[in-house]
Structure formats: structure tokens, C-alpha cells
Amino acid sequence: MKKALFALFFLLFFATATFAKVNINTATVQELTTLPGIGPAKAEAIIKHREANGPFKTVDELGNVKGVGPKTLQDLRSEVSTDN
């Protein structure tokens, strides 16, 4: 019984972690690089843009970051948020 409960907890924990969105206003380089199409250079560009222009108000503002085009933005839309 304990093994079954542990397995259930384990699955629920990782299922929740898998579907958690990355907050682009607080994410680190390491967190941003977990996103599809975002490597270290784009992650740094996102952070520099955030530092220079303030927090992102909408996910669409990621399109203002050099290297984040329409296709990348489309791929990221369901993976990121601007929530605090």
C-alpha cells in the first residue's frame, strides 16, 4: 500500500511539474532554456530585454526580443506566462 501511495504521489508531482508554465518575468537562464527553441543565447536576450524594458505585460511581447520570431513565439505561447 505504501508503494502504491508513493507511486501515485510521484506521478502527481511530476505531472504537475511538467505542466507548470515558466514565468518569463522571473525565470532564470536555466529555466528559460527548458523551453522549446530557447537556448542560452535567447534566454540571455529575454533577460536583457526584461531588465532594459521592465516586466513583460503579455506573452506576445516576447516577439520584441531579438531572435524570438513568430514561429518561436507560437511554440512558446502555451509554455510561458507573465503571472507573478
N, C-alpha and C. Protein backbone atom coordinates (compact mmCIF):
# COMPACT_ATOMS: atom_id res chain seq x y z
N MET A 1 0.83 -1.20 0.00
CA MET A 1 0.00 0.00 0.00
C MET A 1 0.87 1.26 0.00
N LYS A 2 1.94 1.25 0.81
CA LYS A 2 2.81 2.42 0.85
C LYS A 2 3.47 2.66 -0.50
N LYS A 3 3.85 1.59 -1.19
CA LYS A 3 4.46 1.74 -2.51
C LYS A 3 3.48 2.34 -3.50
N ALA A 4 2.24 1.94 -3.42
CA ALA A 4 1.22 2.47 -4.33
C ALA A 4 0.99 3.95 -4.07
N LEU A 5 0.94 4.35 -2.81
CA LEU A 5 0.76 5.76 -2.48
C LEU A 5 1.97 6.58 -2.92
N PHE A 6 3.15 6.03 -2.70
CA PHE A 6 4.36 6.73 -3.12
C PHE A 6 4.36 6.90 -4.64
N ALA A 7 4.01 5.85 -5.37
CA ALA A 7 3.97 5.91 -6.82
C ALA A 7 2.96 6.95 -7.29
N LEU A 8 1.80 7.01 -6.66
CA LEU A 8 0.79 7.99 -7.01
C LEU A 8 1.29 9.41 -6.75
N PHE A 9 1.90 9.62 -5.59
CA PHE A 9 2.46 10.93 -5.26
C PHE A 9 3.52 11.32 -6.28
N PHE A 10 4.39 10.40 -6.60
CA PHE A 10 5.46 10.64 -7.56
C PHE A 10 4.89 11.07 -8.91
N LEU A 11 3.91 10.34 -9.40
CA LEU A 11 3.30 10.66 -10.69
C LEU A 11 2.60 12.01 -10.66
N LEU A 12 1.87 12.30 -9.61
CA LEU A 12 1.18 13.59 -9.49
C LEU A 12 2.17 14.74 -9.43
N PHE A 13 3.24 14.55 -8.68
CA PHE A 13 4.25 15.60 -8.55
C PHE A 13 4.87 15.93 -9.90
N PHE A 14 5.28 14.91 -10.63
CA PHE A 14 5.93 15.16 -11.91
C PHE A 14 4.95 15.58 -12.99
N ALA A 15 3.72 15.16 -12.91
CA ALA A 15 2.71 15.61 -13.87
C ALA A 15 2.46 17.10 -13.68
N THR A 16 2.39 17.54 -12.44
CA THR A 16 2.19 18.95 -12.15
C THR A 16 3.40 19.76 -12.60
N ALA A 17 4.59 19.27 -12.32
CA ALA A 17 5.81 19.98 -12.71
C ALA A 17 5.92 20.07 -14.23
N THR A 18 5.49 19.05 -14.92
CA THR A 18 5.57 19.03 -16.37
C THR A 18 4.69 20.09 -16.99
N PHE A 19 3.55 20.36 -16.40
CA PHE A 19 2.60 21.30 -16.98
C PHE A 19 2.71 22.71 -16.42
N ALA A 20 3.62 22.93 -15.51
CA ALA A 20 3.80 24.26 -14.95
C ALA A 20 4.39 25.18 -16.01
N LYS A 21 3.83 26.36 -16.13
CA LYS A 21 4.33 27.33 -17.09
C LYS A 21 5.53 28.07 -16.51
N VAL A 22 6.41 28.50 -17.38
CA VAL A 22 7.58 29.26 -16.99
C VAL A 22 7.20 30.74 -17.00
N ASN A 23 7.42 31.40 -15.87
CA ASN A 23 7.13 32.83 -15.77
C ASN A 23 8.29 33.60 -16.40
N ILE A 24 8.04 34.25 -17.53
CA ILE A 24 9.10 34.94 -18.25
C ILE A 24 9.57 36.21 -17.53
N ASN A 25 8.85 36.63 -16.50
CA ASN A 25 9.27 37.81 -15.75
C ASN A 25 10.20 37.47 -14.58
N THR A 26 10.29 36.20 -14.23
CA THR A 26 11.13 35.82 -13.09
C THR A 26 12.09 34.68 -13.42
N ALA A 27 11.95 34.07 -14.60
CA ALA A 27 12.74 32.89 -14.95
C ALA A 27 14.22 33.21 -15.09
N THR A 28 15.03 32.24 -14.69
CA THR A 28 16.48 32.32 -14.86
C THR A 28 16.85 31.79 -16.25
N VAL A 29 18.11 31.94 -16.61
CA VAL A 29 18.59 31.38 -17.87
C VAL A 29 18.32 29.89 -17.92
N GLN A 30 18.59 29.20 -16.82
CA GLN A 30 18.39 27.75 -16.77
C GLN A 30 16.93 27.39 -16.99
N GLU A 31 16.02 28.13 -16.39
CA GLU A 31 14.59 27.85 -16.55
C GLU A 31 14.14 28.15 -17.98
N LEU A 32 14.62 29.23 -18.54
CA LEU A 32 14.22 29.60 -19.90
C LEU A 32 14.73 28.60 -20.93
N THR A 33 15.89 28.01 -20.69
CA THR A 33 16.44 27.06 -21.66
C THR A 33 15.69 25.73 -21.66
N THR A 34 14.78 25.54 -20.74
CA THR A 34 13.94 24.33 -20.77
C THR A 34 12.81 24.47 -21.79
N LEU A 35 12.63 25.67 -22.30
CA LEU A 35 11.54 25.94 -23.26
C LEU A 35 11.94 25.54 -24.67
N PRO A 36 10.97 25.13 -25.48
CA PRO A 36 11.29 24.75 -26.86
C PRO A 36 11.83 25.92 -27.67
N GLY A 37 12.96 25.72 -28.32
CA GLY A 37 13.54 26.75 -29.18
C GLY A 37 14.34 27.81 -28.46
N ILE A 38 14.50 27.67 -27.15
CA ILE A 38 15.24 28.67 -26.38
C ILE A 38 16.54 28.05 -25.86
N GLY A 39 17.64 28.54 -26.41
CA GLY A 39 18.95 28.14 -25.94
C GLY A 39 19.51 29.22 -25.03
N PRO A 40 20.75 29.07 -24.61
CA PRO A 40 21.35 30.06 -23.71
C PRO A 40 21.37 31.49 -24.26
N ALA A 41 21.65 31.65 -25.55
CA ALA A 41 21.72 33.00 -26.12
C ALA A 41 20.35 33.68 -26.11
N LYS A 42 19.31 32.97 -26.50
CA LYS A 42 17.96 33.56 -26.49
C LYS A 42 17.49 33.80 -25.06
N ALA A 43 17.85 32.91 -24.16
CA ALA A 43 17.48 33.09 -22.75
C ALA A 43 18.12 34.37 -22.21
N GLU A 44 19.38 34.57 -22.52
CA GLU A 44 20.07 35.81 -22.10
C GLU A 44 19.40 37.03 -22.73
N ALA A 45 19.01 36.93 -24.00
CA ALA A 45 18.35 38.05 -24.68
C ALA A 45 17.02 38.38 -24.02
N ILE A 46 16.28 37.36 -23.61
CA ILE A 46 15.00 37.58 -22.92
C ILE A 46 15.24 38.31 -21.61
N ILE A 47 16.22 37.87 -20.86
CA ILE A 47 16.51 38.51 -19.57
C ILE A 47 17.00 39.94 -19.77
N LYS A 48 17.87 40.17 -20.73
CA LYS A 48 18.36 41.54 -21.00
C LYS A 48 17.21 42.45 -21.42
N HIS A 49 16.31 41.93 -22.24
CA HIS A 49 15.15 42.73 -22.66
C HIS A 49 14.28 43.07 -21.45
N ARG A 50 14.08 42.10 -20.59
CA ARG A 50 13.28 42.30 -19.37
C ARG A 50 13.93 43.34 -18.47
N GLU A 51 15.24 43.27 -18.31
CA GLU A 51 15.95 44.23 -17.46
C GLU A 51 15.92 45.65 -18.05
N ALA A 52 16.01 45.75 -19.37
CA ALA A 52 16.04 47.06 -20.02
C ALA A 52 14.66 47.69 -20.14
N ASN A 53 13.61 46.86 -20.28
CA ASN A 53 12.27 47.38 -20.57
C ASN A 53 11.23 47.12 -19.50
N GLY A 54 11.63 46.47 -18.43
CA GLY A 54 10.66 46.13 -17.39
C GLY A 54 9.99 44.81 -17.69
N PRO A 55 9.13 44.38 -16.79
CA PRO A 55 8.49 43.08 -16.95
C PRO A 55 7.60 43.02 -18.20
N PHE A 56 7.49 41.82 -18.74
CA PHE A 56 6.60 41.59 -19.87
C PHE A 56 5.17 41.70 -19.38
N LYS A 57 4.35 42.46 -20.08
CA LYS A 57 2.94 42.57 -19.72
C LYS A 57 2.13 41.45 -20.35
N THR A 58 2.56 41.02 -21.53
CA THR A 58 1.88 39.92 -22.23
C THR A 58 2.94 38.98 -22.81
N VAL A 59 2.54 37.77 -23.08
CA VAL A 59 3.44 36.80 -23.71
C VAL A 59 3.82 37.29 -25.11
N ASP A 60 2.92 37.98 -25.79
CA ASP A 60 3.21 38.48 -27.13
C ASP A 60 4.42 39.41 -27.18
N GLU A 61 4.73 40.07 -26.07
CA GLU A 61 5.88 40.96 -26.03
C GLU A 61 7.20 40.22 -26.20
N LEU A 62 7.20 38.91 -26.04
CA LEU A 62 8.41 38.14 -26.32
C LEU A 62 8.84 38.32 -27.77
N GLY A 63 7.89 38.64 -28.64
CA GLY A 63 8.21 38.89 -30.04
C GLY A 63 9.10 40.09 -30.25
N ASN A 64 9.23 40.95 -29.24
CA ASN A 64 10.11 42.11 -29.31
C ASN A 64 11.56 41.77 -28.98
N VAL A 65 11.80 40.55 -28.54
CA VAL A 65 13.15 40.12 -28.18
C VAL A 65 13.85 39.63 -29.44
N LYS A 66 15.06 40.12 -29.65
CA LYS A 66 15.84 39.71 -30.82
C LYS A 66 16.03 38.20 -30.80
N GLY A 67 15.68 37.55 -31.90
CA GLY A 67 15.83 36.11 -32.01
C GLY A 67 14.56 35.33 -31.73
N VAL A 68 13.53 36.01 -31.24
CA VAL A 68 12.26 35.33 -30.99
C VAL A 68 11.28 35.78 -32.08
N GLY A 69 11.13 34.93 -33.07
CA GLY A 69 10.25 35.24 -34.18
C GLY A 69 8.86 34.65 -33.98
N PRO A 70 8.01 34.83 -34.98
CA PRO A 70 6.62 34.35 -34.87
C PRO A 70 6.50 32.85 -34.59
N LYS A 71 7.34 32.04 -35.21
CA LYS A 71 7.26 30.59 -35.01
C LYS A 71 7.65 30.23 -33.58
N THR A 72 8.73 30.80 -33.09
CA THR A 72 9.15 30.54 -31.71
C THR A 72 8.09 31.02 -30.74
N LEU A 73 7.55 32.20 -30.98
CA LEU A 73 6.51 32.74 -30.11
C LEU A 73 5.30 31.81 -30.09
N GLN A 74 4.92 31.30 -31.23
CA GLN A 74 3.79 30.37 -31.30
C GLN A 74 4.08 29.11 -30.48
N ASP A 75 5.30 28.59 -30.59
CA ASP A 75 5.68 27.38 -29.85
C ASP A 75 5.72 27.62 -28.34
N LEU A 76 6.02 28.86 -27.93
CA LEU A 76 6.16 29.18 -26.52
C LEU A 76 4.85 29.56 -25.84
N ARG A 77 3.90 30.02 -26.61
CA ARG A 77 2.68 30.61 -26.05
C ARG A 77 2.03 29.76 -24.94
N SER A 78 1.94 28.47 -25.11
CA SER A 78 1.30 27.62 -24.11
C SER A 78 2.25 27.20 -23.00
N GLU A 79 3.53 27.53 -23.14
CA GLU A 79 4.54 27.09 -22.17
C GLU A 79 4.94 28.18 -21.17
N VAL A 80 4.57 29.42 -21.45
CA VAL A 80 5.03 30.54 -20.62
C VAL A 80 3.86 31.37 -20.10
N SER A 81 4.17 32.18 -19.09
CA SER A 81 3.19 33.11 -18.55
C SER A 81 3.90 34.37 -18.09
N THR A 82 3.12 35.38 -17.76
CA THR A 82 3.65 36.61 -17.19
C THR A 82 3.16 36.80 -15.76
N ASP A 83 2.53 35.78 -15.22
CA ASP A 83 1.97 35.85 -13.86
C ASP A 83 3.06 36.01 -12.82
N ASN A 84 2.69 36.68 -11.76
CA ASN A 84 3.62 36.84 -10.65
C ASN A 84 3.44 35.76 -9.64
